[in-house]
Structures are given as structure tokens and as C-alpha cells.
Amino acid sequence: MAAASVDFAAATLGVAPEALRIIAVEAVNWPDAGLGCPQPDMIYAAVITPGYRIVLETADGQVIVHTDSRSDGEKIICPEE
């Protein structure tokens, strides 16, 4: 899951995967399908969604990625943290 999140974050941020370092991986049960980082004007299923909170370090600071439990599933960089 961490490797898939590194690839996702690198592509989203426009940096090489080698520019990101994994700091922490924490299993989380998100309160809904919004993965703990709901987006404006979106509606999410109100179901407990197992996933991960992955902290990555970049040259500019930290990036927090929220995921569901599938390596090919939903991922979002959560700017609210």
C-alpha cells in the first residue's frame, strides 16, 4: 500500500518517486467513503471504510495520503492535515 501511495503522490505532485520517503503507515477505519478527507460538493456512502493514512516526506515538507484498503483503490492527498 505504501509503494502504491508513493507512486500516486509522485504522479500527483509531479516529482520522481525517489523524491518521497515513507515516514509512517497507519491502518485506519475511515468514518465514510470520503476517506477522512471529504471533497466539496461530494456525497459519500456512510459506511466504515478500512484503509491507511500514509505520511510521506518531500523536500518541501510532508504529504499525507489517505487510502482505502485496496492497493489499486482510492487515494487522496489530504491537505486538511
N, C-alpha and C. Protein backbone atom coordinates (compact mmCIF):
# COMPACT_ATOMS: atom_id res chain seq x y z
N MET A 1 0.83 -1.19 0.00
CA MET A 1 0.00 0.00 0.00
C MET A 1 0.87 1.25 0.00
N ALA A 2 1.95 1.22 0.76
CA ALA A 2 2.82 2.39 0.85
C ALA A 2 3.46 2.69 -0.51
N ALA A 3 3.92 1.65 -1.21
CA ALA A 3 4.55 1.85 -2.52
C ALA A 3 3.55 2.43 -3.52
N ALA A 4 2.32 1.93 -3.51
CA ALA A 4 1.29 2.47 -4.41
C ALA A 4 0.99 3.92 -4.07
N SER A 5 1.03 4.27 -2.80
CA SER A 5 0.78 5.66 -2.39
C SER A 5 1.93 6.58 -2.80
N VAL A 6 3.16 6.07 -2.74
CA VAL A 6 4.30 6.85 -3.21
C VAL A 6 4.15 7.15 -4.70
N ASP A 7 3.80 6.13 -5.48
CA ASP A 7 3.62 6.33 -6.92
C ASP A 7 2.50 7.33 -7.19
N PHE A 8 1.39 7.21 -6.47
CA PHE A 8 0.26 8.13 -6.63
C PHE A 8 0.68 9.56 -6.29
N ALA A 9 1.32 9.74 -5.14
CA ALA A 9 1.72 11.09 -4.72
C ALA A 9 2.74 11.69 -5.67
N ALA A 10 3.69 10.88 -6.13
CA ALA A 10 4.71 11.37 -7.07
C ALA A 10 4.05 11.86 -8.36
N ALA A 11 3.11 11.08 -8.89
CA ALA A 11 2.42 11.48 -10.12
C ALA A 11 1.58 12.73 -9.89
N THR A 12 0.90 12.80 -8.76
CA THR A 12 0.05 13.96 -8.46
C THR A 12 0.88 15.23 -8.27
N LEU A 13 2.02 15.09 -7.59
CA LEU A 13 2.87 16.25 -7.29
C LEU A 13 3.84 16.58 -8.42
N GLY A 14 3.99 15.67 -9.37
CA GLY A 14 4.92 15.89 -10.47
C GLY A 14 6.38 15.77 -10.07
N VAL A 15 6.65 14.82 -9.17
CA VAL A 15 8.03 14.58 -8.73
C VAL A 15 8.37 13.11 -8.96
N ALA A 16 9.63 12.78 -8.90
CA ALA A 16 10.07 11.39 -9.02
C ALA A 16 9.72 10.65 -7.73
N PRO A 17 9.33 9.39 -7.82
CA PRO A 17 9.04 8.62 -6.61
C PRO A 17 10.21 8.61 -5.62
N GLU A 18 11.42 8.69 -6.13
CA GLU A 18 12.60 8.70 -5.27
C GLU A 18 12.68 9.97 -4.41
N ALA A 19 11.91 10.98 -4.78
CA ALA A 19 11.90 12.23 -4.02
C ALA A 19 11.01 12.15 -2.78
N LEU A 20 10.32 11.03 -2.60
CA LEU A 20 9.41 10.84 -1.47
C LEU A 20 9.95 9.74 -0.57
N ARG A 21 9.83 9.97 0.73
CA ARG A 21 10.26 8.98 1.71
C ARG A 21 9.09 8.65 2.62
N ILE A 22 8.86 7.37 2.86
CA ILE A 22 7.76 6.93 3.72
C ILE A 22 8.15 7.17 5.17
N ILE A 23 7.33 7.92 5.88
CA ILE A 23 7.56 8.23 7.30
C ILE A 23 6.72 7.33 8.19
N ALA A 24 5.44 7.14 7.83
CA ALA A 24 4.55 6.34 8.67
C ALA A 24 3.43 5.74 7.83
N VAL A 25 2.99 4.56 8.24
CA VAL A 25 1.83 3.90 7.65
C VAL A 25 0.95 3.44 8.80
N GLU A 26 -0.28 3.91 8.81
CA GLU A 26 -1.20 3.62 9.91
C GLU A 26 -2.51 3.08 9.35
N ALA A 27 -2.93 1.91 9.81
CA ALA A 27 -4.23 1.37 9.44
C ALA A 27 -5.32 2.22 10.10
N VAL A 28 -6.35 2.55 9.34
CA VAL A 28 -7.41 3.43 9.83
C VAL A 28 -8.76 2.90 9.34
N ASN A 29 -9.78 3.05 10.15
CA ASN A 29 -11.15 2.83 9.71
C ASN A 29 -11.77 4.20 9.52
N TRP A 30 -11.86 4.63 8.26
CA TRP A 30 -12.43 5.94 7.95
C TRP A 30 -13.93 5.92 8.24
N PRO A 31 -14.52 7.04 8.67
CA PRO A 31 -15.93 7.06 9.05
C PRO A 31 -16.90 6.93 7.87
N ASP A 32 -16.39 7.15 6.65
CA ASP A 32 -17.24 7.03 5.46
C ASP A 32 -16.34 6.85 4.24
N ALA A 33 -16.94 6.77 3.07
CA ALA A 33 -16.17 6.56 1.85
C ALA A 33 -15.37 7.79 1.42
N GLY A 34 -15.47 8.89 2.16
CA GLY A 34 -14.68 10.09 1.88
C GLY A 34 -13.25 9.98 2.38
N LEU A 35 -12.89 8.87 2.98
CA LEU A 35 -11.54 8.58 3.45
C LEU A 35 -10.98 9.64 4.40
N GLY A 36 -11.87 10.23 5.20
CA GLY A 36 -11.42 11.20 6.19
C GLY A 36 -11.02 12.54 5.61
N CYS A 37 -11.28 12.73 4.33
CA CYS A 37 -10.90 13.98 3.68
C CYS A 37 -11.95 14.31 2.61
N PRO A 38 -13.17 14.58 3.04
CA PRO A 38 -14.24 14.79 2.07
C PRO A 38 -13.99 16.02 1.19
N GLN A 39 -14.38 15.89 -0.06
CA GLN A 39 -14.21 16.97 -1.03
C GLN A 39 -15.51 17.77 -1.13
N PRO A 40 -15.41 19.05 -1.40
CA PRO A 40 -16.62 19.89 -1.50
C PRO A 40 -17.57 19.36 -2.58
N ASP A 41 -18.86 19.49 -2.32
CA ASP A 41 -19.92 19.12 -3.26
C ASP A 41 -19.95 17.64 -3.62
N MET A 42 -19.39 16.80 -2.76
CA MET A 42 -19.42 15.35 -3.00
C MET A 42 -20.26 14.69 -1.91
N ILE A 43 -20.89 13.59 -2.26
CA ILE A 43 -21.67 12.80 -1.32
C ILE A 43 -20.99 11.44 -1.21
N TYR A 44 -20.82 10.96 0.02
CA TYR A 44 -20.11 9.71 0.25
C TYR A 44 -20.99 8.72 0.98
N ALA A 45 -20.79 7.44 0.68
CA ALA A 45 -21.51 6.38 1.38
C ALA A 45 -21.13 6.42 2.86
N ALA A 46 -22.13 6.31 3.71
CA ALA A 46 -21.90 6.37 5.16
C ALA A 46 -21.60 4.98 5.70
N VAL A 47 -20.46 4.44 5.27
CA VAL A 47 -20.02 3.12 5.73
C VAL A 47 -18.60 3.22 6.23
N ILE A 48 -18.29 2.47 7.26
CA ILE A 48 -16.91 2.41 7.75
C ILE A 48 -16.05 1.86 6.60
N THR A 49 -14.99 2.58 6.26
CA THR A 49 -14.12 2.21 5.14
C THR A 49 -12.72 1.95 5.65
N PRO A 50 -12.29 0.69 5.68
CA PRO A 50 -10.93 0.39 6.11
C PRO A 50 -9.92 0.94 5.12
N GLY A 51 -8.82 1.45 5.63
CA GLY A 51 -7.78 1.98 4.75
C GLY A 51 -6.53 2.34 5.53
N TYR A 52 -5.78 3.28 4.97
CA TYR A 52 -4.50 3.66 5.56
C TYR A 52 -4.29 5.16 5.50
N ARG A 53 -3.54 5.66 6.46
CA ARG A 53 -3.05 7.03 6.47
C ARG A 53 -1.54 6.91 6.31
N ILE A 54 -1.03 7.43 5.21
CA ILE A 54 0.39 7.28 4.89
C ILE A 54 1.04 8.64 4.86
N VAL A 55 2.07 8.80 5.66
CA VAL A 55 2.80 10.07 5.74
C VAL A 55 4.07 9.93 4.91
N LEU A 56 4.23 10.84 3.96
CA LEU A 56 5.41 10.87 3.10
C LEU A 56 6.15 12.17 3.33
N GLU A 57 7.46 12.12 3.21
CA GLU A 57 8.28 13.32 3.34
C GLU A 57 8.82 13.70 1.98
N THR A 58 8.75 15.01 1.68
CA THR A 58 9.32 15.56 0.45
C THR A 58 10.35 16.61 0.85
N ALA A 59 11.01 17.17 -0.12
CA ALA A 59 11.97 18.24 0.16
C ALA A 59 11.27 19.46 0.74
N ASP A 60 9.97 19.60 0.47
CA ASP A 60 9.21 20.77 0.92
C ASP A 60 8.39 20.52 2.18
N GLY A 61 8.42 19.33 2.72
CA GLY A 61 7.64 19.04 3.92
C GLY A 61 6.98 17.68 3.83
N GLN A 62 5.83 17.54 4.47
CA GLN A 62 5.13 16.26 4.49
C GLN A 62 3.90 16.29 3.61
N VAL A 63 3.55 15.11 3.11
CA VAL A 63 2.35 14.89 2.33
C VAL A 63 1.62 13.74 3.00
N ILE A 64 0.31 13.90 3.22
CA ILE A 64 -0.49 12.87 3.85
C ILE A 64 -1.41 12.27 2.78
N VAL A 65 -1.32 10.96 2.61
CA VAL A 65 -2.17 10.25 1.66
C VAL A 65 -3.15 9.39 2.44
N HIS A 66 -4.45 9.52 2.11
CA HIS A 66 -5.47 8.66 2.69
C HIS A 66 -5.88 7.67 1.61
N THR A 67 -6.05 6.40 1.99
CA THR A 67 -6.41 5.36 1.03
C THR A 67 -7.54 4.50 1.57
N ASP A 68 -8.12 3.71 0.66
CA ASP A 68 -8.96 2.61 1.13
C ASP A 68 -8.04 1.41 1.29
N SER A 69 -8.57 0.22 1.44
CA SER A 69 -7.73 -0.93 1.75
C SER A 69 -7.17 -1.66 0.53
N ARG A 70 -7.49 -1.20 -0.67
CA ARG A 70 -7.02 -1.87 -1.89
C ARG A 70 -5.84 -1.10 -2.48
N SER A 71 -4.80 -1.80 -2.88
CA SER A 71 -3.62 -1.11 -3.43
C SER A 71 -3.96 -0.37 -4.71
N ASP A 72 -4.96 -0.84 -5.46
CA ASP A 72 -5.37 -0.14 -6.68
C ASP A 72 -6.63 0.69 -6.46
N GLY A 73 -6.99 0.90 -5.20
CA GLY A 73 -8.22 1.62 -4.86
C GLY A 73 -8.03 3.12 -4.76
N GLU A 74 -8.95 3.75 -4.05
CA GLU A 74 -8.97 5.20 -3.90
C GLU A 74 -7.78 5.70 -3.08
N LYS A 75 -7.24 6.81 -3.53
CA LYS A 75 -6.18 7.51 -2.81
C LYS A 75 -6.43 9.00 -2.96
N ILE A 76 -6.11 9.74 -1.91
CA ILE A 76 -6.27 11.18 -1.97
C ILE A 76 -5.19 11.83 -1.10
N ILE A 77 -4.62 12.89 -1.61
CA ILE A 77 -3.71 13.70 -0.78
C ILE A 77 -4.61 14.61 0.03
N CYS A 78 -4.51 14.53 1.34
CA CYS A 78 -5.41 15.27 2.20
C CYS A 78 -4.73 16.53 2.72
N PRO A 79 -5.08 17.68 2.15
CA PRO A 79 -4.43 18.93 2.56
C PRO A 79 -4.92 19.46 3.91
N GLU A 80 -5.97 18.87 4.45
CA GLU A 80 -6.55 19.36 5.70
C GLU A 80 -5.77 18.95 6.94
N GLU A 81 -4.76 18.13 6.78
CA GLU A 81 -3.99 17.69 7.95
C GLU A 81 -2.77 18.54 8.15
